[in-house]
Protein backbone atom coordinates (compact mmCIF):
# COMPACT_ATOMS: atom_id res chain seq x y z
CA UNK A 1 114.74 82.09 116.61
CA UNK A 2 111.29 83.71 117.76
CA UNK A 3 108.39 82.32 115.22
CA UNK A 4 107.76 85.91 113.51
CA UNK A 5 111.94 85.43 111.78
CA UNK A 6 111.60 81.82 111.82
CA UNK A 7 113.33 80.05 108.67
CA UNK A 8 110.77 79.79 105.83
CA UNK A 9 112.67 76.70 104.87
CA UNK A 10 111.90 74.99 108.55
CA UNK A 11 108.56 76.39 109.28
CA UNK A 12 106.55 76.98 105.89
CA UNK A 13 106.08 80.76 106.50
CA UNK A 14 107.04 83.11 103.97
CA UNK A 15 107.78 86.81 105.20
CA UNK A 16 106.45 89.53 103.95
CA UNK A 17 107.84 91.90 101.28
CA UNK A 18 109.16 95.55 101.86
CA UNK A 19 106.29 96.74 99.68
CA UNK A 20 103.60 95.11 101.54
CA UNK A 21 105.33 96.09 105.18
CA UNK A 22 105.55 100.06 103.45
CA UNK A 23 101.86 99.54 102.44
CA UNK A 24 100.62 98.48 105.82
CA UNK A 25 102.70 101.73 107.67
CA UNK A 26 100.64 103.63 105.24
CA UNK A 27 97.50 102.61 105.87
CA UNK A 28 97.80 102.52 109.47
CA UNK A 29 99.09 106.02 109.04
CA UNK A 30 96.15 107.17 107.11
CA UNK A 31 93.67 105.53 108.93
CA UNK A 32 95.10 107.07 111.91
CA UNK A 33 94.82 110.48 110.76
CA UNK A 34 91.31 110.03 109.92
CA UNK A 35 90.22 108.88 113.72
CA UNK A 36 89.40 105.52 112.90
CA UNK A 37 90.33 102.49 114.68
CA UNK A 38 90.96 99.03 112.72
CA UNK A 39 87.21 98.13 113.90
CA UNK A 40 85.86 101.76 112.44
CA UNK A 41 87.43 101.21 109.20
CA UNK A 42 86.48 97.45 109.11
CA UNK A 43 82.81 98.74 109.31
CA UNK A 44 83.48 101.45 106.74
CA UNK A 45 84.67 99.35 104.12
CA UNK A 46 82.92 96.00 105.28
CA UNK A 47 86.30 94.26 105.68
CA UNK A 48 86.91 91.95 108.51
CA UNK A 49 88.91 93.88 111.21
CA UNK A 50 91.57 90.76 110.98
CA UNK A 51 92.39 91.70 107.39
CA UNK A 52 93.14 95.15 108.05
CA UNK A 53 95.53 93.94 111.05
CA UNK A 54 96.96 91.83 108.87
CA UNK A 55 97.91 94.07 106.09
CA UNK A 56 98.77 96.60 108.36
CA UNK A 57 101.10 94.43 109.95
CA UNK A 58 102.33 93.42 106.02
CA UNK A 59 101.37 89.82 106.25
CA UNK A 60 98.24 90.22 103.70
CA UNK A 61 98.45 91.71 100.55
CA UNK A 62 95.34 93.56 99.23
CA UNK A 63 93.81 93.07 95.51
CA UNK A 64 92.87 96.17 93.88
CA UNK A 65 89.41 96.12 94.82
CA UNK A 66 90.35 96.40 98.01
CA UNK A 67 92.73 99.12 97.32
CA UNK A 68 89.99 100.73 95.76
CA UNK A 69 87.41 100.65 98.62
CA UNK A 70 90.37 101.29 101.11
CA UNK A 71 90.55 104.74 99.55
CA UNK A 72 87.47 105.52 98.82
CA UNK A 73 86.67 105.58 102.32
CA UNK A 74 89.15 107.22 103.49
CA UNK A 75 88.12 109.68 101.32
CA UNK A 76 91.68 109.46 99.63
CA UNK A 77 93.10 108.87 95.81
CA UNK A 78 94.21 105.00 95.63
CA UNK A 79 97.56 106.49 94.76
CA UNK A 80 98.14 107.77 98.51
CA UNK A 81 98.20 104.13 99.88
CA UNK A 82 101.04 103.39 96.80
CA UNK A 83 102.97 106.46 96.67
CA UNK A 84 106.57 105.43 97.28
CA UNK A 85 106.78 101.95 97.12
CA UNK A 86 108.89 100.70 94.58
CA UNK A 87 109.52 97.64 92.36
CA UNK A 88 112.56 96.94 94.77
CA UNK A 89 110.33 97.11 97.84
CA UNK A 90 108.01 94.66 95.77
CA UNK A 91 110.70 92.15 94.90
CA UNK A 92 112.81 92.50 97.94
CA UNK A 93 112.01 90.29 101.31
CA UNK A 94 111.80 92.02 104.65
CA UNK A 95 114.75 92.56 106.59
CA UNK A 96 115.53 90.54 109.40
CA UNK A 97 115.59 91.83 112.82
């Protein structure tokens, strides 16, 4: 298996949940709508570019403080980053492809 899809019991890796992936996709879309690169958003929010990249891939779940900071700097309501995320997504592992 490729490393990104490796069995977590063997490698110890945990696949991101569907909600994390959906959050990351939403963040990437909103960042793009504002014409910002990951580095540009990082400078605006004082969040490390690697952390932003990991959030966009769904590999990192942001804290509430981080969501609020992202929303403020993107000039959006925090709910826009969370709209349509469901409890089912939050508890289900990401589908393997």
